[in-house]
Amino acid sequence: MAVFKPFKAIRPLPQYASDVAALPYDVMNSEEARKMAVGKPYTFIHVDKAEIDLPEGTDIYSPEVYDKAYENMEKLITDGICAEDDKPCFYIYRQTMDGRSQTGVVGCASIDDYINNIIKKHEHTRADKEDDRARHVDRCNANTGPIFLCYRENKEISEIVENWKKEHAPVYDFISDGNVGNTVWVIDCDKTVARLNDLFKTTGSFYIADGHHRCASAVRVGKLRRTQNPSYTGDEEFNFFLAVLFPKNELAIMDYNRVIKDLGGYTEEEFKNKISEKFTVEEADLSPYKPTEKHTFGMLLSGKWYKLTAKDGTFDDSDPVARLDVSILQSNLIAPILGINDPRRDERIDFVGGIRGLKELERRVSTDMCLAFSMFPTTLDDLTDIADAGQVMPPKSTWFEPKLLSGLFIHRLS
C-alpha cells in the first residue's frame, strides 16, 4: 500500500509563477545557469544553482552555496513572491508539449515506501550526486524539486482529476522555455483530498520515472532527521518528499542516443565487417534514420546512415534488462568491439537526449565524434517490468520530456 498525501505547498503567487518556474538543476551546468538567470531575479535557478550568486570559481559543493540557496529561497517568501497555502492540498499539474499532454497529481510520497521498495527504482545512483542534493535539501529544510513518479492508472483518480479541471479555473497557466504549456489547479476541497488520499493507497507500487538522485537524497535527509528526532511519530513532514505522480498511460519516453569518439582502432571496413557478426547492416532508406521498432538501430558513419538489426541469439528475450535495445547495443557492439565497458565514465562515449533530434547526432559526428547510434525508445512497460524484477537499467536508457519545472511547489520539511 503506497502512501501519497496532501501538503501545504509554498508556491508562487499567480502573477509570479512563470518568473519563478525553472528547469531542474540537473539539466544545466553552472555556466549555463548563470546565463539563463540573467535579468531574472525570481527564477528558481537562484535556489537550485545558488553558486551563480557567488564569485565565479566558488566550489559548487561548498557550504556557502547551500547557505545561499536557503537565503534565496527564503527571500522569495519574505519578498512576497511565494507564499504557503493555509491547509494541505493536492495539486494538478498538466504539461503540454508538441500536442501531447501529461497530467499528474502533486503531493508527498513516503520515505518508508522508498526504503521498503514500494516505490521502485530502475537506476543506480552516484554517491557524489546524492551528497550534493542531500546537503541542499537539508540546508534548505525543504524539497525544492519534485520527483517524477508514475503508477498504473486508477480510473476513479483519473475521473476526479478530469472533473476538477473542468469545474475549476487553474491558478497557473503559462508557456515555459521549449514552448511547453504548464497549467496548475489546486484541489482544496477536504472531501476530494480525502478521497484521493484513500484511492492512492489502492494503486500498488509507484515507479520513479525521473529523479533517482533527488529521491535518494530526500530519503537520506528524512532518515537523518529521524536520528536527530528519536521520538518521531512518522507523521512529521521530513518523513515525506515532494513528487508528481502520473498515471503510466499519460507518459512517453524519448530515445536516448549515443555518440562515439573513435572506432576502437578498426578501419571503417573492418568495423562494419565486425559488427555484421551480430547485426544485419544495410544502408538506410532515410537520412537521418530513426528506428521504428525494437531491436533496430540507426548508425551514422562517415556521413552515411545505416540500419542495424540485431540477429537472433544476440540477447535473452526472457530477461527484461538483456532485451533492452540499450543493452543489446552495449553488450554486442559498444563493449566487445569498441572497448567501452563502463559507459558511465568512459570519455569516448556521450549521450544525446531525443529532444535534441537526430540533427544533433549529425552535428556531433561532423565535429568532435566519429560515430553515432540512434535508438528506438525504451517503453514504460520496460521500465516497470525491470523495476518489478528488482533489476536496474543500463545508464542513459530513458529520456523524459517535458521536464518537471522547479519552483512551482516547495515542500517544507518542518
Protein backbone atom coordinates (compact mmCIF):
# COMPACT_ATOMS: atom_id res chain seq x y z
CA MET A 1 0.00 0.00 0.00
CA ALA A 2 1.64 3.19 -1.19
CA VAL A 3 1.20 6.50 0.62
CA PHE A 4 0.61 9.73 -1.26
CA LYS A 5 -0.58 12.60 0.88
CA PRO A 6 -1.53 16.27 0.54
CA PHE A 7 0.71 19.02 1.85
CA LYS A 8 0.85 22.78 2.34
CA ALA A 9 2.86 23.93 -0.66
CA ILE A 10 4.98 27.03 -0.67
CA ARG A 11 4.37 28.29 -4.18
CA PRO A 12 4.48 31.45 -6.29
CA LEU A 13 1.68 33.95 -6.30
CA PRO A 14 -0.10 33.53 -9.66
CA GLN A 15 1.40 36.66 -11.21
CA TYR A 16 4.92 35.39 -10.50
CA ALA A 17 4.58 31.72 -11.47
CA SER A 18 6.23 31.97 -14.88
CA ASP A 19 9.03 34.15 -13.44
CA VAL A 20 9.84 31.65 -10.68
CA ALA A 21 9.47 28.33 -12.54
CA ALA A 22 12.73 26.94 -13.90
CA LEU A 23 14.15 23.81 -15.44
CA PRO A 24 15.55 21.32 -12.90
CA TYR A 25 19.09 21.78 -11.63
CA ASP A 26 20.49 18.68 -13.35
CA VAL A 27 19.87 19.78 -16.94
CA MET A 28 22.31 22.69 -16.77
CA ASN A 29 25.84 23.38 -15.57
CA SER A 30 26.86 26.46 -13.59
CA GLU A 31 27.86 28.49 -16.64
CA GLU A 32 24.58 27.75 -18.39
CA ALA A 33 22.67 28.57 -15.21
CA ARG A 34 24.34 31.99 -14.93
CA LYS A 35 23.31 32.86 -18.46
CA MET A 36 19.77 31.57 -18.01
CA ALA A 37 19.28 33.66 -14.85
CA VAL A 38 20.40 36.98 -16.32
CA GLY A 39 17.66 39.57 -15.80
CA LYS A 40 15.51 37.06 -13.89
CA PRO A 41 15.71 37.90 -10.18
CA TYR A 42 12.91 35.49 -9.21
CA THR A 43 13.90 32.43 -11.22
CA PHE A 44 14.29 29.32 -9.08
CA ILE A 45 17.70 28.78 -10.62
CA HIS A 46 18.93 31.08 -7.83
CA VAL A 47 17.83 28.38 -5.38
CA ASP A 48 18.72 25.21 -7.26
CA LYS A 49 22.05 26.53 -8.61
CA ALA A 50 22.90 29.11 -5.97
CA GLU A 51 26.57 29.21 -6.95
CA ILE A 52 25.56 31.65 -9.69
CA ASP A 53 25.15 34.32 -6.99
CA LEU A 54 28.65 33.76 -5.60
CA PRO A 55 32.00 34.65 -7.16
CA GLU A 56 32.93 32.59 -10.20
CA GLY A 57 35.20 29.74 -9.24
CA THR A 58 33.38 29.07 -5.96
CA ASP A 59 33.35 25.36 -5.19
CA ILE A 60 29.78 24.33 -6.07
CA TYR A 61 29.79 21.90 -3.12
CA SER A 62 30.95 24.43 -0.52
CA PRO A 63 28.74 25.29 2.48
CA GLU A 64 28.42 28.83 1.13
CA VAL A 65 26.46 27.54 -1.87
CA TYR A 66 23.89 25.72 0.26
CA ASP A 67 23.63 28.71 2.60
CA LYS A 68 22.97 30.92 -0.41
CA ALA A 69 20.32 28.53 -1.68
CA TYR A 70 18.48 28.75 1.63
CA GLU A 71 18.82 32.54 1.67
CA ASN A 72 17.49 32.86 -1.87
CA MET A 73 14.55 30.55 -1.16
CA GLU A 74 13.57 32.44 1.98
CA LYS A 75 13.84 35.75 0.12
CA LEU A 76 11.18 34.60 -2.35
CA ILE A 77 8.88 34.19 0.64
CA THR A 78 9.77 37.36 2.56
CA ASP A 79 9.56 39.44 -0.64
CA GLY A 80 6.01 38.20 -1.25
CA ILE A 81 6.84 36.26 -4.41
CA CYS A 82 5.90 32.91 -2.87
CA ALA A 83 3.54 32.02 -0.03
CA GLU A 84 2.48 28.90 1.83
CA ASP A 85 -1.05 27.53 1.44
CA ASP A 86 -3.27 27.60 4.53
CA LYS A 87 -4.05 23.87 4.54
CA PRO A 88 -2.80 20.64 2.96
CA CYS A 89 -3.91 20.28 -0.64
CA PHE A 90 -3.27 18.17 -3.69
CA TYR A 91 -2.33 19.97 -6.89
CA ILE A 92 -2.94 19.03 -10.52
CA TYR A 93 -0.02 19.71 -12.83
CA ARG A 94 -0.54 19.43 -16.58
CA GLN A 95 2.24 19.86 -19.11
CA THR A 96 1.65 20.12 -22.86
CA MET A 97 4.37 19.75 -25.45
CA ASP A 98 4.11 19.20 -29.21
CA GLY A 99 0.41 18.50 -28.92
CA ARG A 100 0.75 15.83 -26.21
CA SER A 101 -0.29 16.40 -22.59
CA GLN A 102 0.59 14.63 -19.36
CA THR A 103 -1.35 15.33 -16.18
CA GLY A 104 -0.17 14.36 -12.72
CA VAL A 105 -1.07 15.00 -9.11
CA VAL A 106 1.41 16.82 -6.88
CA GLY A 107 1.71 15.57 -3.32
CA CYS A 108 4.14 13.88 -0.97
CA ALA A 109 5.34 10.27 -1.04
CA SER A 110 6.71 8.31 1.91
CA ILE A 111 10.39 7.68 2.56
CA ASP A 112 9.36 4.33 4.07
CA ASP A 113 7.79 3.30 0.77
CA TYR A 114 11.13 4.04 -0.89
CA ILE A 115 13.05 2.11 1.78
CA ASN A 116 10.65 -0.86 1.52
CA ASN A 117 10.68 -0.86 -2.31
CA ILE A 118 7.02 0.05 -2.68
CA ILE A 119 8.47 2.97 -4.63
CA LYS A 120 10.50 1.08 -7.21
CA LYS A 121 13.75 2.18 -8.83
CA HIS A 122 15.28 1.31 -12.19
CA GLU A 123 18.64 3.14 -11.97
CA HIS A 124 21.72 3.14 -9.79
CA THR A 125 22.67 6.48 -8.23
CA ARG A 126 26.06 8.10 -7.75
CA ALA A 127 27.19 8.97 -4.22
CA ASP A 128 28.57 12.39 -5.17
CA LYS A 129 25.29 13.47 -6.74
CA GLU A 130 23.32 12.15 -3.78
CA ASP A 131 25.61 14.04 -1.37
CA ASP A 132 25.06 17.30 -3.21
CA ARG A 133 21.27 17.18 -3.21
CA ALA A 134 21.10 15.83 0.33
CA ARG A 135 23.08 18.83 1.57
CA HIS A 136 20.84 21.11 -0.47
CA VAL A 137 17.62 19.60 0.93
CA ASP A 138 18.95 19.58 4.48
CA ARG A 139 20.15 23.18 4.44
CA CYS A 140 17.02 24.49 2.72
CA ASN A 141 14.88 22.40 5.06
CA ALA A 142 12.76 21.67 2.02
CA ASN A 143 12.29 19.58 -1.10
CA THR A 144 12.70 22.15 -3.83
CA GLY A 145 12.38 19.92 -6.88
CA PRO A 146 9.66 17.29 -7.39
CA ILE A 147 10.36 13.61 -8.07
CA PHE A 148 8.75 12.28 -11.27
CA LEU A 149 6.73 9.18 -10.27
CA CYS A 150 4.25 7.03 -12.17
CA TYR A 151 1.68 4.38 -11.33
CA ARG A 152 -0.73 2.06 -13.09
CA GLU A 153 -3.85 4.08 -13.86
CA ASN A 154 -6.78 4.13 -11.45
CA LYS A 155 -9.93 5.19 -13.31
CA GLU A 156 -11.57 6.88 -10.33
CA ILE A 157 -8.48 9.01 -9.71
CA SER A 158 -8.42 9.98 -13.38
CA GLU A 159 -12.12 10.89 -13.28
CA ILE A 160 -11.67 13.06 -10.18
CA VAL A 161 -8.75 14.86 -11.79
CA GLU A 162 -10.57 15.42 -15.09
CA ASN A 163 -13.72 16.66 -13.38
CA TRP A 164 -11.76 19.06 -11.18
CA LYS A 165 -10.03 20.50 -14.25
CA LYS A 166 -13.38 21.03 -15.97
CA GLU A 167 -15.10 22.60 -12.98
CA HIS A 168 -12.33 24.86 -11.61
CA ALA A 169 -10.12 27.57 -13.02
CA PRO A 170 -6.35 26.96 -12.95
CA VAL A 171 -4.15 29.05 -10.68
CA TYR A 172 -1.26 28.97 -13.18
CA ASP A 173 -1.33 28.72 -16.96
CA PHE A 174 1.80 29.77 -18.82
CA ILE A 175 4.26 28.75 -21.53
CA SER A 176 7.83 27.96 -20.47
CA ASP A 177 11.03 27.53 -22.46
CA GLY A 178 10.73 24.96 -25.20
CA ASN A 179 7.11 26.02 -25.85
CA VAL A 180 5.84 23.83 -23.01
CA GLY A 181 2.44 24.63 -21.53
CA ASN A 182 2.24 24.45 -17.73
CA THR A 183 -1.16 24.51 -16.05
CA VAL A 184 -1.84 24.01 -12.34
CA TRP A 185 -5.06 23.56 -10.36
CA VAL A 186 -5.33 23.48 -6.55
CA ILE A 187 -7.51 20.71 -5.08
CA ASP A 188 -8.53 22.35 -1.80
CA CYS A 189 -11.84 20.54 -1.13
CA ASP A 190 -11.33 18.48 2.03
CA LYS A 191 -13.67 15.72 0.85
CA THR A 192 -11.94 15.40 -2.54
CA VAL A 193 -8.49 15.47 -0.93
CA ALA A 194 -9.50 12.71 1.50
CA ARG A 195 -10.94 10.56 -1.31
CA LEU A 196 -7.77 10.90 -3.38
CA ASN A 197 -5.66 10.12 -0.34
CA ASP A 198 -7.58 6.85 0.10
CA LEU A 199 -7.53 5.95 -3.60
CA PHE A 200 -3.77 6.30 -3.91
CA LYS A 201 -3.43 3.59 -1.27
CA THR A 202 -5.06 1.14 -3.71
CA THR A 203 -2.77 1.78 -6.69
CA GLY A 204 0.01 -0.64 -5.76
CA SER A 205 3.59 0.34 -6.40
CA PHE A 206 4.89 3.71 -7.54
CA TYR A 207 7.79 3.86 -10.01
CA ILE A 208 10.50 6.50 -10.27
CA ALA A 209 10.39 7.74 -13.84
CA ASP A 210 12.96 10.51 -13.41
CA GLY A 211 14.79 11.96 -10.41
CA HIS A 212 16.52 8.97 -8.79
CA HIS A 213 19.20 11.17 -7.21
CA ARG A 214 16.70 13.70 -5.86
CA CYS A 215 14.63 10.87 -4.44
CA ALA A 216 17.55 9.09 -2.78
CA SER A 217 18.73 12.40 -1.36
CA ALA A 218 15.32 13.25 0.07
CA VAL A 219 15.18 9.86 1.75
CA ARG A 220 18.67 10.32 3.20
CA VAL A 221 17.64 13.61 4.76
CA GLY A 222 14.47 12.07 6.14
CA LYS A 223 16.47 9.29 7.77
CA LEU A 224 18.93 11.87 9.15
CA ARG A 225 16.07 13.85 10.69
CA ARG A 226 14.80 10.65 12.32
CA THR A 227 18.14 10.12 14.05
CA GLN A 228 18.03 13.74 15.19
CA ASN A 229 14.47 13.28 16.47
CA PRO A 230 14.39 9.79 18.04
CA SER A 231 10.85 10.30 19.32
CA TYR A 232 9.48 10.96 15.82
CA THR A 233 5.95 9.63 15.12
CA GLY A 234 6.18 9.13 11.35
CA ASP A 235 3.75 11.95 10.64
CA GLU A 236 6.38 14.71 10.52
CA GLU A 237 6.94 16.27 7.11
CA PHE A 238 10.53 15.03 6.96
CA ASN A 239 9.10 11.52 6.56
CA PHE A 240 7.78 12.52 3.12
CA PHE A 241 9.13 14.02 -0.08
CA LEU A 242 7.74 16.13 -2.90
CA ALA A 243 6.60 14.27 -6.01
CA VAL A 244 4.35 14.48 -9.04
CA LEU A 245 2.50 11.22 -9.63
CA PHE A 246 1.41 10.45 -13.19
CA PRO A 247 -0.67 7.56 -14.49
CA LYS A 248 1.63 5.44 -16.62
CA ASN A 249 -0.53 5.78 -19.73
CA GLU A 250 -0.03 9.57 -19.73
CA LEU A 251 3.74 9.37 -20.24
CA ALA A 252 6.11 8.83 -23.12
CA ILE A 253 9.82 8.06 -23.16
CA MET A 254 12.04 9.57 -25.83
CA ASP A 255 15.07 7.97 -27.42
CA TYR A 256 18.45 8.37 -25.72
CA ASN A 257 21.11 8.24 -28.42
CA ARG A 258 24.85 7.50 -28.38
CA VAL A 259 27.84 9.22 -29.97
CA ILE A 260 31.31 7.66 -30.03
CA LYS A 261 34.69 9.33 -30.40
CA ASP A 262 36.57 6.65 -32.41
CA LEU A 263 36.29 3.18 -33.92
CA GLY A 264 38.48 1.45 -31.37
CA GLY A 265 41.41 1.04 -33.75
CA TYR A 266 39.43 -0.51 -36.60
CA THR A 267 39.26 0.86 -40.12
CA GLU A 268 35.74 1.63 -41.29
CA GLU A 269 35.64 -1.53 -43.41
CA GLU A 270 36.94 -3.68 -40.56
CA PHE A 271 34.42 -2.11 -38.20
CA LYS A 272 31.45 -2.79 -40.49
CA ASN A 273 32.61 -6.36 -41.04
CA LYS A 274 32.99 -6.87 -37.30
CA ILE A 275 29.54 -5.56 -36.35
CA SER A 276 27.93 -7.64 -39.12
CA GLU A 277 28.65 -10.72 -36.99
CA LYS A 278 25.89 -9.66 -34.57
CA PHE A 279 23.82 -7.22 -36.63
CA THR A 280 22.39 -7.12 -40.12
CA VAL A 281 23.89 -3.97 -41.66
CA GLU A 282 22.18 -2.20 -44.55
CA GLU A 283 22.17 1.31 -45.93
CA ALA A 284 19.22 3.26 -44.52
CA ASP A 285 16.48 4.47 -46.85
CA LEU A 286 16.12 7.68 -44.84
CA SER A 287 18.63 10.28 -43.73
CA PRO A 288 18.75 10.77 -40.82
CA TYR A 289 17.49 7.33 -39.86
CA LYS A 290 15.22 6.91 -36.84
CA PRO A 291 14.42 3.30 -35.82
CA THR A 292 10.73 2.41 -35.96
CA GLU A 293 10.78 -0.84 -33.97
CA LYS A 294 12.63 -2.58 -31.17
CA HIS A 295 16.00 -4.25 -31.80
CA THR A 296 16.81 -1.95 -34.72
CA PHE A 297 19.32 0.90 -34.63
CA GLY A 298 20.44 3.77 -36.79
CA MET A 299 24.19 4.16 -37.30
CA LEU A 300 25.88 7.26 -38.70
CA LEU A 301 29.39 6.73 -40.05
CA SER A 302 31.28 9.00 -42.45
CA GLY A 303 28.17 10.97 -43.28
CA LYS A 304 26.13 7.89 -44.20
CA TRP A 305 23.22 6.37 -42.27
CA TYR A 306 22.84 2.62 -41.85
CA LYS A 307 20.13 0.44 -40.35
CA LEU A 308 21.32 -2.23 -37.91
CA THR A 309 19.10 -5.14 -36.90
CA ALA A 310 20.08 -7.38 -34.01
CA LYS A 311 20.46 -11.01 -35.13
CA ASP A 312 18.84 -13.95 -33.40
CA GLY A 313 20.80 -15.12 -30.39
CA THR A 314 22.26 -11.73 -29.51
CA PHE A 315 20.04 -11.31 -26.45
CA ASP A 316 17.90 -13.24 -23.98
CA ASP A 317 14.28 -12.27 -24.61
CA SER A 318 13.22 -13.62 -21.20
CA ASP A 319 15.45 -11.13 -19.37
CA PRO A 320 13.84 -7.65 -19.13
CA VAL A 321 17.24 -5.94 -18.98
CA ALA A 322 19.05 -8.03 -21.59
CA ARG A 323 16.29 -7.46 -24.17
CA LEU A 324 16.53 -3.67 -23.90
CA ASP A 325 17.97 -2.10 -27.04
CA VAL A 326 20.49 -0.15 -24.97
CA SER A 327 21.69 -3.49 -23.51
CA ILE A 328 21.84 -5.20 -26.91
CA LEU A 329 23.94 -2.40 -28.37
CA GLN A 330 26.20 -2.22 -25.32
CA SER A 331 26.82 -5.95 -24.93
CA ASN A 332 27.19 -6.80 -28.62
CA LEU A 333 28.95 -3.74 -30.03
CA ILE A 334 29.96 -0.89 -27.72
CA ALA A 335 31.76 -3.07 -25.15
CA PRO A 336 33.22 -6.00 -27.16
CA ILE A 337 34.10 -4.11 -30.33
CA LEU A 338 34.74 -0.52 -29.23
CA GLY A 339 36.12 -1.46 -25.81
CA ILE A 340 33.83 0.90 -23.89
CA ASN A 341 32.99 -1.24 -20.89
CA ASP A 342 31.92 1.49 -18.47
CA PRO A 343 29.72 3.94 -20.38
CA ARG A 344 29.13 5.94 -17.20
CA ARG A 345 32.75 7.07 -17.05
CA ASP A 346 34.43 6.40 -20.40
CA GLU A 347 35.10 9.72 -22.12
CA ARG A 348 34.93 8.09 -25.57
CA ILE A 349 31.13 7.92 -25.37
CA ASP A 350 28.50 10.61 -24.89
CA PHE A 351 24.72 10.59 -24.80
CA VAL A 352 22.24 12.80 -26.64
CA GLY A 353 18.64 13.06 -25.46
CA GLY A 354 15.99 12.64 -28.10
CA ILE A 355 14.69 16.15 -27.51
CA ARG A 356 17.74 17.41 -29.39
CA GLY A 357 16.81 15.46 -32.53
CA LEU A 358 18.92 13.40 -34.91
CA LYS A 359 20.44 16.53 -36.48
CA GLU A 360 22.39 16.88 -33.24
CA LEU A 361 23.92 13.45 -33.90
CA GLU A 362 24.97 14.61 -37.34
CA ARG A 363 26.46 17.78 -35.87
CA ARG A 364 28.45 15.85 -33.27
CA VAL A 365 29.79 13.36 -35.82
CA SER A 366 30.90 16.24 -38.04
CA THR A 367 32.69 17.97 -35.14
CA ASP A 368 34.00 16.04 -32.12
CA MET A 369 32.79 12.45 -32.69
CA CYS A 370 33.07 9.91 -35.50
CA LEU A 371 30.15 7.54 -34.92
CA ALA A 372 26.55 7.81 -33.73
CA PHE A 373 23.71 5.45 -32.95
CA SER A 374 20.04 6.42 -32.97
CA MET A 375 17.87 4.33 -30.67
CA PHE A 376 14.28 3.13 -30.52
CA PRO A 377 12.85 4.50 -27.24
CA THR A 378 12.64 2.35 -24.14
CA THR A 379 8.98 1.82 -23.20
CA LEU A 380 7.11 2.41 -19.94
CA ASP A 381 6.41 -1.34 -19.83
CA ASP A 382 10.16 -1.96 -20.00
CA LEU A 383 10.67 0.40 -17.07
CA THR A 384 8.02 -1.15 -14.84
CA ASP A 385 8.98 -4.74 -15.77
CA ILE A 386 12.59 -4.09 -14.79
CA ALA A 387 11.66 -2.27 -11.58
CA ASP A 388 9.24 -5.06 -10.62
CA ALA A 389 12.01 -7.61 -11.20
CA GLY A 390 14.28 -5.68 -8.82
CA GLN A 391 16.76 -5.00 -11.61
CA VAL A 392 18.24 -1.78 -12.97
CA MET A 393 18.58 -0.39 -16.44
CA PRO A 394 21.90 0.40 -18.08
CA PRO A 395 22.87 4.08 -17.82
CA LYS A 396 21.14 6.56 -20.09
CA SER A 397 18.24 4.29 -21.01
CA THR A 398 15.35 6.77 -20.70
CA TRP A 399 14.74 10.41 -21.54
CA PHE A 400 11.51 12.00 -20.35
CA GLU A 401 10.11 15.21 -21.79
CA PRO A 402 8.86 17.65 -20.81
CA LYS A 403 10.88 18.07 -17.63
CA LEU A 404 9.06 18.91 -14.42
CA LEU A 405 9.75 22.53 -13.53
CA SER A 406 11.21 23.51 -10.18
CA GLY A 407 9.86 26.35 -8.05
CA LEU A 408 6.15 25.82 -8.56
CA PHE A 409 5.93 23.74 -5.38
CA ILE A 410 8.18 23.69 -2.30
CA HIS A 411 7.67 21.14 0.47
CA ARG A 412 8.94 22.33 3.85
CA LEU A 413 10.36 19.52 5.99
CA SER A 414 9.44 21.11 9.34
